[in-house]
PDB file of N, CA and C in Angstrom:
ATOM      1  N   MET A   1      90.518 109.972 100.102  1.00  0.00           N
ATOM      2  CA  MET A   1      91.587 110.872  99.375  1.00  0.00           C
ATOM      3  C   MET A   1      91.122 112.213  99.319  1.00  0.00           C
ATOM      4  N   GLU A   2      89.737 112.191  98.323  1.00  0.00           N
ATOM      5  CA  GLU A   2      89.027 113.660  98.203  1.00  0.00           C
ATOM      6  C   GLU A   2      88.762 114.476  99.363  1.00  0.00           C
ATOM      7  N   ASN A   3      89.004 113.773 100.577  1.00  0.00           N
ATOM      8  CA  ASN A   3      88.762 114.690 101.753  1.00  0.00           C
ATOM      9  C   ASN A   3      89.974 115.271 102.239  1.00  0.00           C
ATOM     10  N   GLN A   4      91.002 115.514 101.594  1.00  0.00           N
ATOM     11  CA  GLN A   4      92.147 116.113 101.615  1.00  0.00           C
ATOM     12  C   GLN A   4      91.831 117.604 101.760  1.00  0.00           C
ATOM     13  N   PRO A   5      92.688 118.380 102.504  1.00  0.00           N
ATOM     14  CA  PRO A   5      92.308 119.661 102.805  1.00  0.00           C
ATOM     15  C   PRO A   5      92.644 120.530 101.347  1.00  0.00           C
ATOM     16  N   LYS A   6      93.570 119.893 101.021  1.00  0.00           N
ATOM     17  CA  LYS A   6      93.815 120.743  99.284  1.00  0.00           C
ATOM     18  C   LYS A   6      93.709 119.922  98.218  1.00  0.00           C
ATOM     19  N   SER A   7      92.759 118.972  98.265  1.00  0.00           N
ATOM     20  CA  SER A   7      92.430 118.052  97.203  1.00  0.00           C
ATOM     21  C   SER A   7      91.475 119.108  96.060  1.00  0.00           C
ATOM     22  N   LEU A   8      91.439 118.854  94.864  1.00  0.00           N
ATOM     23  CA  LEU A   8      90.601 119.539  93.904  1.00  0.00           C
ATOM     24  C   LEU A   8      89.732 118.830  93.556  1.00  0.00           C
ATOM     25  N   PHE A   9      89.887 117.617  93.424  1.00  0.00           N
ATOM     26  CA  PHE A   9      88.816 116.653  92.939  1.00  0.00           C
ATOM     27  C   PHE A   9      89.534 115.248  92.773  1.00  0.00           C
ATOM     28  N   SER A  10      88.615 114.117  92.839  1.00  0.00           N
ATOM     29  CA  SER A  10      89.340 112.819  92.411  1.00  0.00           C
ATOM     30  C   SER A  10      88.392 112.523  91.208  1.00  0.00           C
ATOM     31  N   PHE A  11      89.179 111.118  90.864  1.00  0.00           N
ATOM     32  CA  PHE A  11      88.596 110.708  89.277  1.00  0.00           C
ATOM     33  C   PHE A  11      88.915 109.311  89.487  1.00  0.00           C
ATOM     34  N   VAL A  12      88.012 108.469  88.570  1.00  0.00           N
ATOM     35  CA  VAL A  12      88.673 107.190  88.465  1.00  0.00           C
ATOM     36  C   VAL A  12      89.428 106.867  86.966  1.00  0.00           C
ATOM     37  N   ASN A  13      90.694 106.532  87.167  1.00  0.00           N
ATOM     38  CA  ASN A  13      91.133 106.392  85.589  1.00  0.00           C
ATOM     39  C   ASN A  13      90.654 105.639  84.649  1.00  0.00           C
ATOM     40  N   GLU A  14      90.395 106.500  83.462  1.00  0.00           N
ATOM     41  CA  GLU A  14      89.628 105.577  82.603  1.00  0.00           C
ATOM     42  C   GLU A  14      90.938 105.664  81.151  1.00  0.00           C
ATOM     43  N   ILE A  15      91.833 106.079  81.417  1.00  0.00           N
ATOM     44  CA  ILE A  15      92.676 106.140  80.527  1.00  0.00           C
ATOM     45  C   ILE A  15      93.675 104.780  80.513  1.00  0.00           C
ATOM     46  N   GLU A  16      93.854 104.417  79.476  1.00  0.00           N
ATOM     47  CA  GLU A  16      94.740 102.958  79.373  1.00  0.00           C
ATOM     48  C   GLU A  16      95.759 102.739  80.379  1.00  0.00           C
ATOM     49  N   GLY A  17      95.739 101.718  81.166  1.00  0.00           N
ATOM     50  CA  GLY A  17      96.949 101.659  82.224  1.00  0.00           C
ATOM     51  C   GLY A  17      96.124 102.094  83.634  1.00  0.00           C
ATOM     52  N   PHE A  18      96.625 101.631  84.425  1.00  0.00           N
ATOM     53  CA  PHE A  18      96.614 102.129  85.953  1.00  0.00           C
ATOM     54  C   PHE A  18      94.831 101.429  86.364  1.00  0.00           C
ATOM     55  N   ASN A  19      94.488 100.556  85.741  1.00  0.00           N
ATOM     56  CA  ASN A  19      93.207 100.120  85.822  1.00  0.00           C
ATOM     57  C   ASN A  19      92.999  99.829  87.255  1.00  0.00           C
ATOM     58  N   GLY A  20      91.711 100.536  87.923  1.00  0.00           N
ATOM     59  CA  GLY A  20      91.580 100.243  89.312  1.00  0.00           C
ATOM     60  C   GLY A  20      91.912 101.214  90.234  1.00  0.00           C
ATOM     61  N   TYR A  21      92.618 102.077  89.622  1.00  0.00           N
ATOM     62  CA  TYR A  21      93.221 103.033  90.244  1.00  0.00           C
ATOM     63  C   TYR A  21      92.321 104.382  90.452  1.00  0.00           C
ATOM     64  N   ARG A  22      92.429 105.180  91.759  1.00  0.00           N
ATOM     65  CA  ARG A  22      91.383 106.219  91.781  1.00  0.00           C
ATOM     66  C   ARG A  22      92.599 107.436  91.858  1.00  0.00           C
ATOM     67  N   GLY A  23      92.425 108.503  91.483  1.00  0.00           N
ATOM     68  CA  GLY A  23      93.422 109.481  91.296  1.00  0.00           C
ATOM     69  C   GLY A  23      92.784 110.808  91.941  1.00  0.00           C
ATOM     70  N   THR A  24      93.266 111.450  92.837  1.00  0.00           N
ATOM     71  CA  THR A  24      93.060 112.511  93.378  1.00  0.00           C
ATOM     72  C   THR A  24      94.140 113.617  93.072  1.00  0.00           C
ATOM     73  N   VAL A  25      93.464 114.868  92.536  1.00  0.00           N
ATOM     74  CA  VAL A  25      94.333 115.825  91.744  1.00  0.00           C
ATOM     75  C   VAL A  25      94.351 117.105  93.025  1.00  0.00           C
ATOM     76  N   PHE A  26      95.781 117.481  93.014  1.00  0.00           N
ATOM     77  CA  PHE A  26      96.151 118.584  93.842  1.00  0.00           C
ATOM     78  C   PHE A  26      96.641 119.611  92.977  1.00  0.00           C
ATOM     79  N   PRO A  27      96.962 120.675  93.497  1.00  0.00           N
ATOM     80  CA  PRO A  27      97.439 121.855  93.028  1.00  0.00           C
ATOM     81  C   PRO A  27      98.812 121.715  91.870  1.00  0.00           C
ATOM     82  N   LYS A  28      99.568 120.603  92.990  1.00  0.00           N
ATOM     83  CA  LYS A  28     100.833 120.489  92.684  1.00  0.00           C
ATOM     84  C   LYS A  28     101.227 118.976  92.180  1.00  0.00           C
ATOM     85  N   ALA A  29     100.271 118.350  92.129  1.00  0.00           N
ATOM     86  CA  ALA A  29     100.403 116.674  91.940  1.00  0.00           C
ATOM     87  C   ALA A  29      99.334 115.950  91.952  1.00  0.00           C
ATOM     88  N   ILE A  30      99.503 115.014  91.441  1.00  0.00           N
ATOM     89  CA  ILE A  30      98.373 113.722  91.365  1.00  0.00           C
ATOM     90  C   ILE A  30      98.917 112.505  92.211  1.00  0.00           C
ATOM     91  N   ALA A  31      97.608 112.156  93.109  1.00  0.00           N
ATOM     92  CA  ALA A  31      97.823 110.957  93.780  1.00  0.00           C
ATOM     93  C   ALA A  31      97.208 109.807  93.206  1.00  0.00           C
ATOM     94  N   LEU A  32      97.641 108.541  92.835  1.00  0.00           N
ATOM     95  CA  LEU A  32      96.969 107.291  92.283  1.00  0.00           C
ATOM     96  C   LEU A  32      97.146 106.385  93.485  1.00  0.00           C
ATOM     97  N   GLU A  33      95.766 105.878  93.561  1.00  0.00           N
ATOM     98  CA  GLU A  33      95.598 104.817  94.583  1.00  0.00           C
ATOM     99  C   GLU A  33      94.911 103.861  94.357  1.00  0.00           C
ATOM    100  N   ASN A  34      95.312 102.481  94.917  1.00  0.00           N
ATOM    101  CA  ASN A  34      94.520 101.212  94.474  1.00  0.00           C
ATOM    102  C   ASN A  34      94.529 100.657  95.701  1.00  0.00           C
ATOM    103  N   GLU A  35      93.403 100.601  96.415  1.00  0.00           N
ATOM    104  CA  GLU A  35      93.441  99.959  97.802  1.00  0.00           C
ATOM    105  C   GLU A  35      93.626  98.380  97.798  1.00  0.00           C
ATOM    106  N   ARG A  36      93.663  97.929  96.714  1.00  0.00           N
ATOM    107  CA  ARG A  36      93.776  96.360  96.725  1.00  0.00           C
ATOM    108  C   ARG A  36      95.080  96.016  97.168  1.00  0.00           C
ATOM    109  N   LYS A  37      95.115  94.933  98.156  1.00  0.00           N
ATOM    110  CA  LYS A  37      96.322  94.482  98.987  1.00  0.00           C
ATOM    111  C   LYS A  37      97.494  94.149  98.103  1.00  0.00           C
ATOM    112  N   GLY A  38      98.446  94.546  98.462  1.00  0.00           N
ATOM    113  CA  GLY A  38      99.755  94.359  97.772  1.00  0.00           C
ATOM    114  C   GLY A  38      99.971  94.989  96.632  1.00  0.00           C
ATOM    115  N   ASN A  39      99.431  96.045  96.658  1.00  0.00           N
ATOM    116  CA  ASN A  39      99.658  97.271  95.689  1.00  0.00           C
ATOM    117  C   ASN A  39     100.339  98.355  96.207  1.00  0.00           C
ATOM    118  N   ALA A  40     100.538  99.467  95.281  1.00  0.00           N
ATOM    119  CA  ALA A  40     101.325 100.818  95.959  1.00  0.00           C
ATOM    120  C   ALA A  40     100.276 101.847  95.569  1.00  0.00           C
ATOM    121  N   ALA A  41     100.620 103.195  96.037  1.00  0.00           N
ATOM    122  CA  ALA A  41     100.408 104.415  95.960  1.00  0.00           C
ATOM    123  C   ALA A  41     101.229 105.165  95.184  1.00  0.00           C
ATOM    124  N   PHE A  42     100.850 105.941  94.099  1.00  0.00           N
ATOM    125  CA  PHE A  42     101.953 106.988  93.400  1.00  0.00           C
ATOM    126  C   PHE A  42     101.446 108.436  93.555  1.00  0.00           C
ATOM    127  N   VAL A  43     102.426 109.147  93.599  1.00  0.00           N
ATOM    128  CA  VAL A  43     102.304 110.424  93.857  1.00  0.00           C
ATOM    129  C   VAL A  43     103.108 111.143  92.724  1.00  0.00           C
ATOM    130  N   VAL A  44     102.571 111.802  91.691  1.00  0.00           N
ATOM    131  CA  VAL A  44     103.373 112.579  90.552  1.00  0.00           C
ATOM    132  C   VAL A  44     103.053 114.007  90.318  1.00  0.00           C
ATOM    133  N   ASP A  45     104.173 114.607  90.452  1.00  0.00           N
ATOM    134  CA  ASP A  45     104.354 115.961  90.455  1.00  0.00           C
ATOM    135  C   ASP A  45     103.969 116.495  89.407  1.00  0.00           C
ATOM    136  N   LEU A  46     103.355 117.423  89.136  1.00  0.00           N
ATOM    137  CA  LEU A  46     102.756 118.035  87.853  1.00  0.00           C
ATOM    138  C   LEU A  46     103.913 119.052  87.323  1.00  0.00           C
ATOM    139  N   SER A  47     103.945 119.159  86.147  1.00  0.00           N
ATOM    140  CA  SER A  47     105.096 119.880  85.355  1.00  0.00           C
ATOM    141  C   SER A  47     104.944 121.536  85.620  1.00  0.00           C
ATOM    142  N   GLU A  48     103.715 122.002  85.911  1.00  0.00           N
ATOM    143  CA  GLU A  48     103.343 123.307  86.538  1.00  0.00           C
ATOM    144  C   GLU A  48     102.185 123.086  87.253  1.00  0.00           C
ATOM    145  N   PRO A  49     102.167 124.056  88.536  1.00  0.00           N
ATOM    146  CA  PRO A  49     101.072 123.794  89.263  1.00  0.00           C
ATOM    147  C   PRO A  49      99.669 124.308  88.459  1.00  0.00           C
ATOM    148  N   ILE A  50      98.523 123.613  89.251  1.00  0.00           N
ATOM    149  CA  ILE A  50      97.072 124.437  88.787  1.00  0.00           C
ATOM    150  C   ILE A  50      96.885 125.559  89.586  1.00  0.00           C
ATOM    151  N   GLU A  51      96.809 126.636  88.826  1.00  0.00           N
ATOM    152  CA  GLU A  51      96.213 127.838  89.428  1.00  0.00           C
ATOM    153  C   GLU A  51      95.031 127.733  89.803  1.00  0.00           C
ATOM    154  N   VAL A  52      94.928 128.024  91.154  1.00  0.00           N
ATOM    155  CA  VAL A  52      93.380 127.870  91.855  1.00  0.00           C
ATOM    156  C   VAL A  52      93.286 129.144  92.611  1.00  0.00           C
ATOM    157  N   ASP A  53      91.988 129.720  92.810  1.00  0.00           N
ATOM    158  CA  ASP A  53      91.929 130.744  93.842  1.00  0.00           C
ATOM    159  C   ASP A  53      91.639 129.789  95.249  1.00  0.00           C
ATOM    160  N   GLU A  54      92.318 130.387  96.198  1.00  0.00           N
ATOM    161  CA  GLU A  54      92.287 129.858  97.434  1.00  0.00           C
ATOM    162  C   GLU A  54      91.010 129.522  98.086  1.00  0.00           C
ATOM    163  N   LYS A  55      89.749 130.379  97.862  1.00  0.00           N
ATOM    164  CA  LYS A  55      88.593 130.334  98.123  1.00  0.00           C
ATOM    165  C   LYS A  55      87.946 129.041  97.731  1.00  0.00           C
ATOM    166  N   VAL A  56      88.362 128.265  96.790  1.00  0.00           N
ATOM    167  CA  VAL A  56      87.958 127.048  96.322  1.00  0.00           C
ATOM    168  C   VAL A  56      87.730 126.088  97.367  1.00  0.00           C
ATOM    169  N   PHE A  57      89.082 126.144  98.414  1.00  0.00           N
ATOM    170  CA  PHE A  57      89.070 125.169  99.313  1.00  0.00           C
ATOM    171  C   PHE A  57      88.071 125.444 100.648  1.00  0.00           C
ATOM    172  N   GLU A  58      87.517 126.281 100.607  1.00  0.00           N
ATOM    173  CA  GLU A  58      86.253 126.936 101.690  1.00  0.00           C
ATOM    174  C   GLU A  58      84.967 125.761 101.461  1.00  0.00           C
ATOM    175  N   LYS A  59      85.084 125.375 100.015  1.00  0.00           N
ATOM    176  CA  LYS A  59      83.791 124.497  99.615  1.00  0.00           C
ATOM    177  C   LYS A  59      84.209 122.945 100.026  1.00  0.00           C
ATOM    178  N   PRO A  60      83.143 122.281 100.126  1.00  0.00           N
ATOM    179  CA  PRO A  60      82.967 120.883 100.496  1.00  0.00           C
ATOM    180  C   PRO A  60      84.039 120.295  99.151  1.00  0.00           C
ATOM    181  N   PRO A  61      84.945 119.427  99.308  1.00  0.00           N
ATOM    182  CA  PRO A  61      85.590 118.717  98.302  1.00  0.00           C
ATOM    183  C   PRO A  61      84.956 118.288  97.121  1.00  0.00           C
ATOM    184  N   SER A  62      83.548 117.993  97.217  1.00  0.00           N
ATOM    185  CA  SER A  62      82.872 117.394  96.153  1.00  0.00           C
ATOM    186  C   SER A  62      82.189 118.353  95.283  1.00  0.00           C
ATOM    187  N   SER A  63      82.277 119.748  95.705  1.00  0.00           N
ATOM    188  CA  SER A  63      81.886 120.903  94.807  1.00  0.00           C
ATOM    189  C   SER A  63      82.709 121.961  94.610  1.00  0.00           C
ATOM    190  N   ARG A  64      84.214 121.453  94.429  1.00  0.00           N
ATOM    191  CA  ARG A  64      85.034 122.481  94.264  1.00  0.00           C
ATOM    192  C   ARG A  64      84.976 122.762  92.926  1.00  0.00           C
ATOM    193  N   PHE A  65      85.063 121.635  91.948  1.00  0.00           N
ATOM    194  CA  PHE A  65      84.979 121.656  90.511  1.00  0.00           C
ATOM    195  C   PHE A  65      84.103 120.960  90.107  1.00  0.00           C
ATOM    196  N   THR A  66      83.246 121.824  88.873  1.00  0.00           N
ATOM    197  CA  THR A  66      82.151 120.914  88.115  1.00  0.00           C
ATOM    198  C   THR A  66      83.017 119.783  87.212  1.00  0.00           C
ATOM    199  N   LYS A  67      82.260 118.723  86.756  1.00  0.00           N
ATOM    200  CA  LYS A  67      82.544 117.565  85.746  1.00  0.00           C
ATOM    201  C   LYS A  67      83.418 118.053  84.600  1.00  0.00           C
ATOM    202  N   ALA A  68      82.871 119.293  84.105  1.00  0.00           N
ATOM    203  CA  ALA A  68      83.480 119.966  83.002  1.00  0.00           C
ATOM    204  C   ALA A  68      84.946 120.639  83.259  1.00  0.00           C
ATOM    205  N   GLU A  69      84.958 121.184  84.441  1.00  0.00           N
ATOM    206  CA  GLU A  69      86.149 121.803  84.760  1.00  0.00           C
ATOM    207  C   GLU A  69      87.331 120.544  85.043  1.00  0.00           C
ATOM    208  N   SER A  70      86.575 119.550  85.768  1.00  0.00           N
ATOM    209  CA  SER A  70      87.618 118.734  86.075  1.00  0.00           C
ATOM    210  C   SER A  70      88.154 118.060  84.771  1.00  0.00           C
ATOM    211  N   GLU A  71      87.513 117.722  83.758  1.00  0.00           N
ATOM    212  CA  GLU A  71      87.714 117.034  82.476  1.00  0.00           C
ATOM    213  C   GLU A  71      88.774 117.977  81.844  1.00  0.00           C
ATOM    214  N   VAL A  72      88.584 119.438  81.858  1.00  0.00           N
ATOM    215  CA  VAL A  72      89.769 120.068  81.193  1.00  0.00           C
ATOM    216  C   VAL A  72      90.795 120.114  82.107  1.00  0.00           C
ATOM    217  N   ILE A  73      90.946 119.780  83.445  1.00  0.00           N
ATOM    218  CA  ILE A  73      92.294 119.698  84.490  1.00  0.00           C
ATOM    219  C   ILE A  73      92.888 118.577  83.598  1.00  0.00           C
ATOM    220  N   LEU A  74      92.051 117.539  83.668  1.00  0.00           N
ATOM    221  CA  LEU A  74      92.691 116.095  83.368  1.00  0.00           C
ATOM    222  C   LEU A  74      92.957 115.907  82.014  1.00  0.00           C
ATOM    223  N   ASN A  75      92.494 116.511  81.050  1.00  0.00           N
ATOM    224  CA  ASN A  75      93.018 116.748  79.871  1.00  0.00           C
ATOM    225  C   ASN A  75      94.425 117.336  79.559  1.00  0.00           C
ATOM    226  N   LYS A  76      94.363 118.350  80.391  1.00  0.00           N
ATOM    227  CA  LYS A  76      95.810 119.197  80.332  1.00  0.00           C
ATOM    228  C   LYS A  76      96.930 118.604  81.381  1.00  0.00           C
ATOM    229  N   TYR A  77      96.473 118.106  82.465  1.00  0.00           N
ATOM    230  CA  TYR A  77      97.759 117.612  83.425  1.00  0.00           C
ATOM    231  C   TYR A  77      97.542 115.944  83.526  1.00  0.00           C
ATOM    232  N   TRP A  78      96.513 115.393  83.504  1.00  0.00           N
ATOM    233  CA  TRP A  78      96.740 113.897  83.689  1.00  0.00           C
ATOM    234  C   TRP A  78      97.165 113.111  82.382  1.00  0.00           C
ATOM    235  N   LYS A  79      96.252 113.446  81.314  1.00  0.00           N
ATOM    236  CA  LYS A  79      96.279 112.805  80.064  1.00  0.00           C
ATOM    237  C   LYS A  79      97.846 112.854  79.550  1.00  0.00           C
ATOM    238  N   PRO A  80      98.569 113.800  79.482  1.00  0.00           N
ATOM    239  CA  PRO A  80      99.982 113.649  79.226  1.00  0.00           C
ATOM    240  C   PRO A  80     100.711 112.935  79.739  1.00  0.00           C
ATOM    241  N   ILE A  81     100.669 112.734  80.935  1.00  0.00           N
ATOM    242  CA  ILE A  81     101.252 111.615  82.070  1.00  0.00           C
ATOM    243  C   ILE A  81     101.004 110.341  81.294  1.00  0.00           C
ATOM    244  N   ALA A  82      99.626 110.091  81.488  1.00  0.00           N
ATOM    245  CA  ALA A  82      99.110 108.762  81.258  1.00  0.00           C
ATOM    246  C   ALA A  82      99.548 108.018  79.820  1.00  0.00           C
ATOM    247  N   GLU A  83      99.775 109.269  78.983  1.00  0.00           N
ATOM    248  CA  GLU A  83     100.131 108.603  77.855  1.00  0.00           C
ATOM    249  C   GLU A  83     101.577 108.403  77.723  1.00  0.00           C
ATOM    250  N   LYS A  84     102.398 108.753  78.415  1.00  0.00           N
ATOM    251  CA  LYS A  84     103.501 108.797  78.368  1.00  0.00           C
ATOM    252  C   LYS A  84     103.825 107.352  79.501  1.00  0.00           C
ATOM    253  N   ALA A  85     103.004 107.065  80.674  1.00  0.00           N
ATOM    254  CA  ALA A  85     103.511 106.240  81.420  1.00  0.00           C
ATOM    255  C   ALA A  85     102.278 105.126  81.501  1.00  0.00           C
ATOM    256  N   LYS A  86     102.707 104.148  80.808  1.00  0.00           N
ATOM    257  CA  LYS A  86     101.504 103.015  80.656  1.00  0.00           C
ATOM    258  C   LYS A  86     101.689 101.834  81.986  1.00  0.00           C
ATOM    259  N   THR A  87     102.725 102.136  82.409  1.00  0.00           N
ATOM    260  CA  THR A  87     102.891 101.028  83.576  1.00  0.00           C
ATOM    261  C   THR A  87     103.388 101.885  84.403  1.00  0.00           C
ATOM    262  N   LYS A  88     103.568 101.104  85.676  1.00  0.00           N
ATOM    263  CA  LYS A  88     104.041 101.534  87.112  1.00  0.00           C
ATOM    264  C   LYS A  88     105.613 102.125  86.993  1.00  0.00           C
ATOM    265  N   LYS A  89     106.272 101.134  86.313  1.00  0.00           N
ATOM    266  CA  LYS A  89     107.728 101.452  86.112  1.00  0.00           C
ATOM    267  C   LYS A  89     107.945 102.791  85.195  1.00  0.00           C
ATOM    268  N   GLU A  90     107.155 103.012  84.153  1.00  0.00           N
ATOM    269  CA  GLU A  90     107.345 104.048  83.484  1.00  0.00           C
ATOM    270  C   GLU A  90     106.906 105.284  84.328  1.00  0.00           C
ATOM    271  N   LEU A  91     105.957 105.202  84.893  1.00  0.00           N
ATOM    272  CA  LEU A  91     105.624 106.457  85.872  1.00  0.00           C
ATOM    273  C   LEU A  91     106.355 106.781  86.774  1.00  0.00           C
ATOM    274  N   MET A  92     107.201 105.740  87.570  1.00  0.00           N
ATOM    275  CA  MET A  92     108.258 106.047  88.218  1.00  0.00           C
ATOM    276  C   MET A  92     109.589 106.613  87.411  1.00  0.00           C
ATOM    277  N   ALA A  93     109.616 106.176  86.238  1.00  0.00           N
ATOM    278  CA  ALA A  93     110.504 106.765  85.418  1.00  0.00           C
ATOM    279  C   ALA A  93     110.485 108.505  85.083  1.00  0.00           C
ATOM    280  N   LEU A  94     109.408 108.766  85.393  1.00  0.00           N
ATOM    281  CA  LEU A  94     108.996 110.270  85.206  1.00  0.00           C
ATOM    282  C   LEU A  94     109.263 110.951  86.130  1.00  0.00           C
ATOM    283  N   GLY A  95     109.307 110.151  87.702  1.00  0.00           N
ATOM    284  CA  GLY A  95     109.505 110.950  88.859  1.00  0.00           C
ATOM    285  C   GLY A  95     108.540 110.504  89.934  1.00  0.00           C
ATOM    286  N   ALA A  96     107.671 109.567  89.623  1.00  0.00           N
ATOM    287  CA  ALA A  96     106.782 109.517  90.685  1.00  0.00           C
ATOM    288  C   ALA A  96     107.091 108.853  92.014  1.00  0.00           C
ATOM    289  N   GLU A  97     106.643 109.243  93.090  1.00  0.00           N
ATOM    290  CA  GLU A  97     106.931 108.340  94.162  1.00  0.00           C
ATOM    291  C   GLU A  97     106.113 107.556  94.579  1.00  0.00           C
ATOM    292  N   ARG A  98     106.733 106.305  94.750  1.00  0.00           N
ATOM    293  CA  ARG A  98     105.755 105.299  94.980  1.00  0.00           C
ATOM    294  C   ARG A  98     105.717 104.720  96.403  1.00  0.00           C
ATOM    295  N   ILE A  99     104.481 104.490  97.105  1.00  0.00           N
ATOM    296  CA  ILE A  99     104.433 104.241  98.372  1.00  0.00           C
ATOM    297  C   ILE A  99     103.730 102.628  98.348  1.00  0.00           C
ATOM    298  N   ILE A 100     104.696 101.877  98.898  1.00  0.00           N
ATOM    299  CA  ILE A 100     104.126 100.302  98.929  1.00  0.00           C
ATOM    300  C   ILE A 100     103.254 100.463 100.064  1.00  0.00           C
ATOM    301  N   HIS A 101     102.003  99.537  99.863  1.00  0.00           N
ATOM    302  CA  HIS A 101     101.100  99.293 100.892  1.00  0.00           C
ATOM    303  C   HIS A 101     101.702  98.447 102.005  1.00  0.00           C
ATOM    304  N   SER A 102     102.555  98.771 102.828  1.00  0.00           N
ATOM    305  CA  SER A 102     103.040  98.094 104.201  1.00  0.00           C
ATOM    306  C   SER A 102     102.014  97.759 104.963  1.00  0.00           C
ATOM    307  N   GLN A 103     102.060  96.920 105.987  1.00  0.00           N
ATOM    308  CA  GLN A 103     101.057  96.731 106.882  1.00  0.00           C
ATOM    309  C   GLN A 103     100.672  97.912 107.563  1.00  0.00           C
ATOM    310  N   ASN A 104     101.723  98.543 108.091  1.00  0.00           N
ATOM    311  CA  ASN A 104     101.442  99.379 109.234  1.00  0.00           C
ATOM    312  C   ASN A 104     101.747 100.969 108.982  1.00  0.00           C
ATOM    313  N   THR A 105     102.467 101.323 107.780  1.00  0.00           N
ATOM    314  CA  THR A 105     102.780 102.669 107.529  1.00  0.00           C
ATOM    315  C   THR A 105     102.636 103.278 106.374  1.00  0.00           C
ATOM    316  N   TRP A 106     101.946 102.579 105.388  1.00  0.00           N
ATOM    317  CA  TRP A 106     101.808 103.171 104.011  1.00  0.00           C
ATOM    318  C   TRP A 106     100.836 104.507 103.995  1.00  0.00           C
ATOM    319  N   LYS A 107     100.059 104.426 104.973  1.00  0.00           N
ATOM    320  CA  LYS A 107      98.863 105.579 104.902  1.00  0.00           C
ATOM    321  C   LYS A 107      99.757 106.781 105.247  1.00  0.00           C
ATOM    322  N   GLU A 108     100.458 106.614 106.468  1.00  0.00           N
ATOM    323  CA  GLU A 108     101.299 107.847 106.910  1.00  0.00           C
ATOM    324  C   GLU A 108     102.465 108.390 105.999  1.00  0.00           C
ATOM    325  N   LYS A 109     102.843 107.163 105.266  1.00  0.00           N
ATOM    326  CA  LYS A 109     104.023 107.784 104.055  1.00  0.00           C
ATOM    327  C   LYS A 109     103.157 108.401 102.945  1.00  0.00           C
ATOM    328  N   LEU A 110     102.085 108.130 102.589  1.00  0.00           N
ATOM    329  CA  LEU A 110     101.182 108.883 101.696  1.00  0.00           C
ATOM    330  C   LEU A 110     100.805 110.056 101.851  1.00  0.00           C
ATOM    331  N   GLN A 111     100.350 110.377 103.320  1.00  0.00           N
ATOM    332  CA  GLN A 111     100.136 111.566 104.022  1.00  0.00           C
ATOM    333  C   GLN A 111     101.127 112.600 103.849  1.00  0.00           C
ATOM    334  N   ALA A 112     102.173 111.686 103.928  1.00  0.00           N
ATOM    335  CA  ALA A 112     103.473 112.672 103.987  1.00  0.00           C
ATOM    336  C   ALA A 112     104.137 113.116 102.684  1.00  0.00           C
ATOM    337  N   ALA A 113     103.712 112.199 101.818  1.00  0.00           N
ATOM    338  CA  ALA A 113     104.152 112.668 100.345  1.00  0.00           C
ATOM    339  C   ALA A 113     103.159 113.752  99.824  1.00  0.00           C
ATOM    340  N   ILE A 114     102.003 113.858 100.435  1.00  0.00           N
ATOM    341  CA  ILE A 114     100.867 114.748  99.721  1.00  0.00           C
ATOM    342  C   ILE A 114     101.335 115.998 100.697  1.00  0.00           C
ATOM    343  N   ASP A 115     101.292 115.952 102.178  1.00  0.00           N
ATOM    344  CA  ASP A 115     101.521 117.100 102.676  1.00  0.00           C
ATOM    345  C   ASP A 115     102.908 117.814 102.115  1.00  0.00           C
ATOM    346  N   LYS A 116     104.045 117.130 101.579  1.00  0.00           N
ATOM    347  CA  LYS A 116     105.401 117.863 101.151  1.00  0.00           C
ATOM    348  C   LYS A 116     104.867 118.607  99.771  1.00  0.00           C
ATOM    349  N   ARG A 117     103.776 118.329  99.313  1.00  0.00           N
ATOM    350  CA  ARG A 117     103.260 118.899  98.021  1.00  0.00           C
ATOM    351  C   ARG A 117     102.338 120.134  98.193  1.00  0.00           C
ATOM    352  N   ALA A 118     101.705 120.062  99.255  1.00  0.00           N
ATOM    353  CA  ALA A 118     100.880 120.995  99.579  1.00  0.00           C
ATOM    354  C   ALA A 118     101.236 122.556  99.561  1.00  0.00           C
TER     355      ALA A 118
END
């Protein structure tokens, strides 16, 4: 996920709930992914876009933001979502799109969900 052209950075969820999920932050959304079979991915829109200089996307994904910068963004954007949504059902009630890990099409569906928010 972190190799997506418009990804800002990825993180492992350390906030209560969604254990085992890896998050990828985009300017307009956060994608949560757990590759465990039978699970689902979620894409949740941000209440406001993260303002970034387009030049950041010229850098390799792993060096677009420092750890400190990433923490500031997570505290501002992910933490409030995670505090409201401790379960998948609560996350969906906040408007998250759920992409079930179907055998053949889930990766394409997840990509489409990301692309429409790019």
